[in-house]
Amino acid sequence: MNKNINFTVILILVVVIGIGTVIGIVAGNFLFNLKYPEATAEPTGDVNDTAESTSDQTTSSTDKPVDETPKKMIALTFDDGPSLAYTNDILDLLEQYNAKATFFVCGSNLTVSTKATLKRTITLGCEIGNHTFSHKDMKTLSEEDLLAEIRNTNEKIAQYSGTDYKCTLYRPPYGNINRSAMDKLYDNGLRMYSIHWSSDSMDWDYQNQYKKGQISRDEAIRSTFDTIVRETTEGTVILMHDIHEITPDVLKLVLEKYTAEGYTFVTVSELFGFTENADKEAYYNRYRSTNSILPTTK
């Protein structure tokens, strides 16, 4: 009886050991293959063909449109020109720094003498905006006078541009605009973007102080520049005037500083993503003022 028990125990141990051995071999092979996978077969085709195929695959996987939109943008704007004395100096600087700007011109300053300056401005990729014909407060004008101020300036821009330039922006003189004036423009088919600013250089004020002998020319330039810097960041619309003596010198400082900091100088339309379809997009109840789009109210 004891012999039978002993034999049975031995038999069970042998079976258990055998099963354990099989399991160990299988598990060992599995783990070995995980750590050392079989080498892939050598390519059977021509080496050059394989390289080209790999290159094509790499190109297709990374061949995506590159977003070339500048990430840090500033819009320079200049009012009241064109000026025979200073606008070309400003254009020289813009060209030197590969920068663009938007010029809000007065119709009364568009003459045979300034025609070449207007054409050069457009050729350099800058944008032309309407600053009315005679720089009058748009809120105080009758409907007839208001329409004449805008229409006559648009016509002169088209005439002297040599390209029948279509103006889609206007800037109210002194920044003065209201819902009534915007309604009049809209209802009469003048559906243009109304552009204000978010950084006022005050170049006109410092220019006046300098001319009156209250500050030196260098102080006027530095004060204007410092005013711009205090109010400027990404997406800023800077207001200057291309009719003042100090403005080209201020512009040079601005271009030097912000170019070194990686900013790109663009037009207002590029900054805000405007399209040429202003007739449908530039509704009277939206306009650009200070840092945002502000809805107008009655």
Protein backbone atom coordinates (compact mmCIF):
# COMPACT_ATOMS: atom_id res chain seq x y z
CA MET A 1 0.00 0.00 0.00
CA ASN A 2 2.82 2.34 0.94
CA LYS A 3 4.66 1.41 -2.22
CA ASN A 4 1.63 2.38 -4.34
CA ILE A 5 1.36 5.75 -2.59
CA ASN A 6 5.03 6.46 -3.04
CA PHE A 7 4.82 5.55 -6.73
CA THR A 8 1.80 7.80 -7.19
CA VAL A 9 3.57 10.73 -5.52
CA ILE A 10 6.64 10.24 -7.67
CA LEU A 11 4.51 10.10 -10.80
CA ILE A 12 2.72 13.32 -9.88
CA LEU A 13 6.04 15.07 -9.22
CA VAL A 14 7.38 13.96 -12.59
CA VAL A 15 4.28 15.27 -14.38
CA VAL A 16 4.43 18.59 -12.52
CA ILE A 17 8.13 19.01 -13.26
CA GLY A 18 7.52 18.16 -16.91
CA ILE A 19 4.71 20.67 -17.26
CA GLY A 20 6.79 23.33 -15.47
CA THR A 21 9.69 22.71 -17.81
CA VAL A 22 7.48 23.12 -20.88
CA ILE A 23 5.95 26.31 -19.51
CA GLY A 24 9.41 27.66 -18.69
CA ILE A 25 10.69 27.01 -22.21
CA VAL A 26 7.69 28.65 -23.84
CA ALA A 27 7.83 31.68 -21.54
CA GLY A 28 11.56 32.02 -22.03
CA ASN A 29 11.22 32.06 -25.81
CA PHE A 30 8.45 34.61 -25.60
CA LEU A 31 10.47 36.93 -23.39
CA PHE A 32 13.56 36.48 -25.54
CA ASN A 33 11.63 37.46 -28.66
CA LEU A 34 10.30 40.55 -26.95
CA LYS A 35 13.80 41.71 -26.08
CA TYR A 36 15.49 40.54 -29.27
CA PRO A 37 13.00 40.58 -32.14
CA GLU A 38 13.95 38.89 -35.35
CA ALA A 39 15.85 41.09 -37.81
CA THR A 40 13.77 42.27 -40.69
CA ALA A 41 14.58 40.88 -44.06
CA GLU A 42 17.00 42.84 -46.23
CA PRO A 43 15.32 44.79 -49.04
CA THR A 44 15.30 42.91 -52.28
CA GLY A 45 15.12 45.99 -54.51
CA ASP A 46 17.85 48.42 -55.52
CA VAL A 47 19.35 50.41 -52.65
CA ASN A 48 18.71 53.71 -54.41
CA ASP A 49 15.09 52.80 -55.01
CA THR A 50 14.68 52.04 -51.33
CA ALA A 51 16.27 55.33 -50.33
CA GLU A 52 14.03 57.22 -52.72
CA SER A 53 10.98 55.41 -51.42
CA THR A 54 11.93 56.24 -47.82
CA SER A 55 12.55 59.83 -48.79
CA ASP A 56 9.15 60.05 -50.48
CA GLN A 57 7.46 58.65 -47.39
CA THR A 58 9.27 61.10 -45.16
CA THR A 59 8.35 64.01 -47.39
CA SER A 60 4.70 63.04 -47.58
CA SER A 61 4.42 62.68 -43.82
CA THR A 62 5.89 66.12 -43.19
CA ASP A 63 4.71 67.92 -46.31
CA LYS A 64 2.22 70.14 -44.54
CA PRO A 65 1.45 73.79 -45.27
CA VAL A 66 3.72 76.04 -43.27
CA ASP A 67 1.96 78.79 -41.37
CA GLU A 68 3.91 81.84 -42.46
CA THR A 69 1.66 84.29 -40.66
CA PRO A 70 3.79 86.50 -38.40
CA LYS A 71 3.08 85.80 -34.74
CA LYS A 72 4.06 89.25 -33.44
CA MET A 73 2.56 92.03 -35.52
CA ILE A 74 2.30 95.80 -35.26
CA ALA A 75 0.42 98.13 -37.60
CA LEU A 76 2.05 101.49 -38.23
CA THR A 77 -0.36 104.17 -39.41
CA PHE A 78 0.34 107.69 -40.67
CA ASP A 79 -2.26 110.44 -40.97
CA ASP A 80 -2.65 113.72 -42.86
CA GLY A 81 -0.27 113.23 -45.82
CA PRO A 82 1.05 112.79 -48.35
CA SER A 83 3.74 115.32 -47.51
CA LEU A 84 6.43 116.37 -49.96
CA ALA A 85 8.72 117.07 -47.01
CA TYR A 86 8.52 113.88 -44.93
CA THR A 87 6.47 111.05 -46.47
CA ASN A 88 9.32 109.87 -48.70
CA ASP A 89 11.70 109.82 -45.73
CA ILE A 90 9.23 107.53 -43.99
CA LEU A 91 8.95 105.33 -47.08
CA ASP A 92 12.76 105.10 -47.24
CA LEU A 93 12.82 103.72 -43.70
CA LEU A 94 9.96 101.29 -44.34
CA GLU A 95 11.76 99.99 -47.40
CA GLN A 96 15.02 99.67 -45.49
CA TYR A 97 13.38 97.55 -42.78
CA ASN A 98 11.08 95.65 -45.15
CA ALA A 99 8.12 97.04 -43.23
CA LYS A 100 4.61 97.95 -44.29
CA ALA A 101 2.26 100.63 -43.02
CA THR A 102 -1.14 102.18 -43.65
CA PHE A 103 -1.33 105.82 -44.75
CA PHE A 104 -4.57 107.68 -44.12
CA VAL A 105 -4.38 110.48 -46.67
CA CYS A 106 -6.30 113.73 -46.93
CA GLY A 107 -7.83 114.40 -50.32
CA SER A 108 -6.61 117.99 -50.27
CA ASN A 109 -3.01 116.74 -50.15
CA LEU A 110 -3.42 114.51 -53.20
CA THR A 111 -2.05 116.63 -56.02
CA VAL A 112 0.06 116.29 -59.13
CA SER A 113 3.08 117.02 -56.92
CA THR A 114 2.35 114.17 -54.47
CA LYS A 115 1.15 111.67 -57.06
CA ALA A 116 4.56 109.97 -57.30
CA THR A 117 4.66 109.60 -53.52
CA LEU A 118 1.23 107.97 -53.49
CA LYS A 119 2.28 105.55 -56.22
CA ARG A 120 5.48 104.68 -54.40
CA THR A 121 3.55 104.01 -51.20
CA ILE A 122 1.37 101.48 -53.00
CA THR A 123 4.32 99.92 -54.86
CA LEU A 124 6.05 99.22 -51.54
CA GLY A 125 3.05 97.17 -50.42
CA CYS A 126 1.67 99.77 -48.06
CA GLU A 127 -2.03 100.47 -47.68
CA ILE A 128 -3.95 103.67 -48.41
CA GLY A 129 -6.82 104.80 -46.20
CA ASN A 130 -9.21 107.76 -46.40
CA HIS A 131 -8.76 110.59 -43.87
CA THR A 132 -11.47 112.77 -45.44
CA PHE A 133 -10.81 115.55 -47.91
CA SER A 134 -10.30 118.51 -45.60
CA HIS A 135 -9.82 116.94 -42.15
CA LYS A 136 -13.17 117.97 -40.71
CA ASP A 137 -14.94 116.47 -37.73
CA MET A 138 -17.23 113.85 -39.27
CA LYS A 139 -19.76 114.15 -36.44
CA THR A 140 -20.50 117.77 -37.28
CA LEU A 141 -21.02 117.44 -41.04
CA SER A 142 -24.30 117.36 -42.90
CA GLU A 143 -25.01 114.21 -44.84
CA GLU A 144 -24.12 115.93 -48.11
CA ASP A 145 -20.80 117.25 -46.82
CA LEU A 146 -19.91 113.99 -45.12
CA LEU A 147 -20.42 111.98 -48.30
CA ALA A 148 -18.45 114.53 -50.32
CA GLU A 149 -15.50 114.36 -47.89
CA ILE A 150 -15.24 110.59 -48.28
CA ARG A 151 -16.20 110.20 -51.93
CA ASN A 152 -13.96 112.97 -53.24
CA THR A 153 -10.99 111.53 -51.40
CA ASN A 154 -11.69 108.01 -52.67
CA GLU A 155 -11.88 109.37 -56.21
CA LYS A 156 -8.56 111.18 -55.86
CA ILE A 157 -6.88 108.09 -54.44
CA ALA A 158 -8.08 106.07 -57.42
CA GLN A 159 -7.09 108.82 -59.86
CA TYR A 160 -3.56 109.50 -58.61
CA SER A 161 -2.70 105.91 -57.77
CA GLY A 162 -2.59 105.03 -61.45
CA THR A 163 -4.15 101.69 -60.55
CA ASP A 164 -7.74 102.75 -59.78
CA TYR A 165 -6.97 101.90 -56.15
CA LYS A 166 -10.06 100.96 -54.17
CA CYS A 167 -9.97 102.40 -50.68
CA THR A 168 -11.71 100.27 -48.04
CA LEU A 169 -10.57 102.03 -44.84
CA TYR A 170 -11.16 105.44 -43.37
CA ARG A 171 -9.97 107.10 -40.19
CA PRO A 172 -12.14 109.83 -38.70
CA PRO A 173 -10.18 113.04 -38.10
CA TYR A 174 -9.50 113.46 -34.36
CA GLY A 175 -10.98 109.96 -33.97
CA ASN A 176 -14.46 111.54 -33.92
CA ILE A 177 -17.23 109.33 -35.26
CA ASN A 178 -20.72 108.40 -34.12
CA ARG A 179 -23.56 106.12 -35.12
CA SER A 180 -25.33 108.86 -37.07
CA ALA A 181 -22.34 109.51 -39.33
CA MET A 182 -21.75 105.80 -39.80
CA ASP A 183 -25.39 105.29 -40.71
CA LYS A 184 -25.14 107.99 -43.37
CA LEU A 185 -22.08 106.38 -44.93
CA TYR A 186 -23.58 102.91 -44.81
CA ASP A 187 -26.96 103.90 -46.21
CA ASN A 188 -25.28 105.65 -49.13
CA GLY A 189 -23.14 102.65 -50.06
CA LEU A 190 -19.88 103.80 -48.43
CA ARG A 191 -19.30 100.63 -46.42
CA MET A 192 -15.72 101.03 -45.33
CA TYR A 193 -13.83 99.95 -42.21
CA SER A 194 -13.51 102.74 -39.65
CA ILE A 195 -10.03 102.56 -38.11
CA HIS A 196 -8.93 104.11 -34.88
CA TRP A 197 -5.70 103.32 -32.96
CA SER A 198 -4.41 101.79 -29.75
CA SER A 199 -1.13 103.72 -29.36
CA ASP A 200 -1.16 107.50 -29.89
CA SER A 201 2.41 108.71 -30.40
CA MET A 202 1.44 112.33 -29.69
CA ASP A 203 4.07 113.31 -32.26
CA TRP A 204 2.03 116.40 -33.14
CA ASP A 205 2.08 117.58 -29.52
CA TYR A 206 5.80 117.04 -28.98
CA GLN A 207 6.44 118.64 -32.38
CA ASN A 208 4.52 121.74 -31.22
CA GLN A 209 6.44 121.88 -27.95
CA TYR A 210 9.71 121.66 -29.87
CA LYS A 211 8.70 124.38 -32.32
CA LYS A 212 7.70 126.66 -29.45
CA GLY A 213 11.10 126.17 -27.84
CA GLN A 214 9.67 124.41 -24.81
CA ILE A 215 11.75 121.26 -25.40
CA SER A 216 14.67 120.39 -27.66
CA ARG A 217 14.31 118.44 -30.89
CA ASP A 218 15.99 115.40 -29.33
CA GLU A 219 13.62 115.60 -26.36
CA ALA A 220 10.64 115.74 -28.71
CA ILE A 221 11.85 112.64 -30.55
CA ARG A 222 12.61 110.71 -27.36
CA SER A 223 9.32 111.68 -25.70
CA THR A 224 7.33 110.56 -28.74
CA PHE A 225 9.21 107.27 -28.89
CA ASP A 226 8.74 106.63 -25.15
CA THR A 227 5.00 107.31 -25.51
CA ILE A 228 4.75 104.70 -28.26
CA VAL A 229 6.71 102.13 -26.27
CA ARG A 230 4.49 102.53 -23.20
CA GLU A 231 1.38 101.72 -25.23
CA THR A 232 2.69 99.18 -27.72
CA THR A 233 2.48 95.42 -27.60
CA GLU A 234 1.51 92.64 -29.98
CA GLY A 235 -1.36 93.70 -32.25
CA THR A 236 -1.03 97.42 -31.55
CA VAL A 237 -2.13 100.06 -34.07
CA ILE A 238 0.30 102.97 -33.74
CA LEU A 239 -0.80 106.47 -34.75
CA MET A 240 1.75 108.89 -36.22
CA HIS A 241 1.65 111.69 -38.78
CA ASP A 242 3.78 111.96 -41.92
CA ILE A 243 3.61 115.77 -41.92
CA HIS A 244 5.89 116.41 -38.92
CA GLU A 245 9.64 116.91 -38.93
CA ILE A 246 10.37 114.63 -35.96
CA THR A 247 8.29 111.66 -37.14
CA PRO A 248 10.87 110.01 -39.45
CA ASP A 249 13.42 110.04 -36.60
CA VAL A 250 10.85 108.54 -34.23
CA LEU A 251 9.96 105.89 -36.79
CA LYS A 252 13.60 104.85 -37.09
CA LEU A 253 13.77 104.18 -33.35
CA VAL A 254 10.50 102.21 -33.49
CA LEU A 255 11.68 100.09 -36.41
CA GLU A 256 15.02 99.38 -34.75
CA LYS A 257 13.51 98.35 -31.42
CA TYR A 258 10.66 96.16 -32.58
CA THR A 259 12.50 94.55 -35.48
CA ALA A 260 15.19 93.45 -33.02
CA GLU A 261 12.42 91.98 -30.83
CA GLY A 262 11.05 89.88 -33.69
CA TYR A 263 8.01 91.95 -34.61
CA THR A 264 6.67 92.27 -38.14
CA PHE A 265 5.19 95.54 -39.37
CA VAL A 266 2.00 94.96 -41.36
CA THR A 267 -0.91 96.92 -42.77
CA VAL A 268 -4.12 97.41 -40.81
CA SER A 269 -5.96 95.01 -43.12
CA GLU A 270 -3.31 92.35 -42.59
CA LEU A 271 -3.38 92.82 -38.82
CA PHE A 272 -7.17 92.50 -38.56
CA GLY A 273 -7.59 89.97 -41.37
CA PHE A 274 -9.79 92.23 -43.47
CA THR A 275 -10.67 91.07 -46.96
CA GLU A 276 -11.37 93.15 -50.03
CA ASN A 277 -15.06 92.40 -49.64
CA ALA A 278 -15.70 95.43 -47.47
CA ASP A 279 -19.08 96.04 -49.08
CA LYS A 280 -20.44 93.05 -47.17
CA GLU A 281 -18.16 92.92 -44.14
CA ALA A 282 -17.64 96.53 -43.04
CA TYR A 283 -21.01 97.08 -41.49
CA TYR A 284 -21.85 100.34 -39.80
CA ASN A 285 -22.24 98.68 -36.39
CA ARG A 286 -18.59 97.57 -36.17
CA TYR A 287 -15.44 99.62 -36.10
CA ARG A 288 -11.91 99.37 -34.82
CA SER A 289 -11.16 101.57 -31.85
CA THR A 290 -8.40 101.39 -29.23
CA ASN A 291 -7.75 97.72 -28.40
CA SER A 292 -10.87 96.03 -29.73
CA ILE A 293 -13.96 96.11 -31.89
CA LEU A 294 -16.45 98.31 -30.14
CA PRO A 295 -20.14 98.18 -30.97
CA THR A 296 -21.64 101.56 -31.63
CA THR A 297 -24.85 102.68 -30.00
CA LYS A 298 -27.53 105.15 -30.93
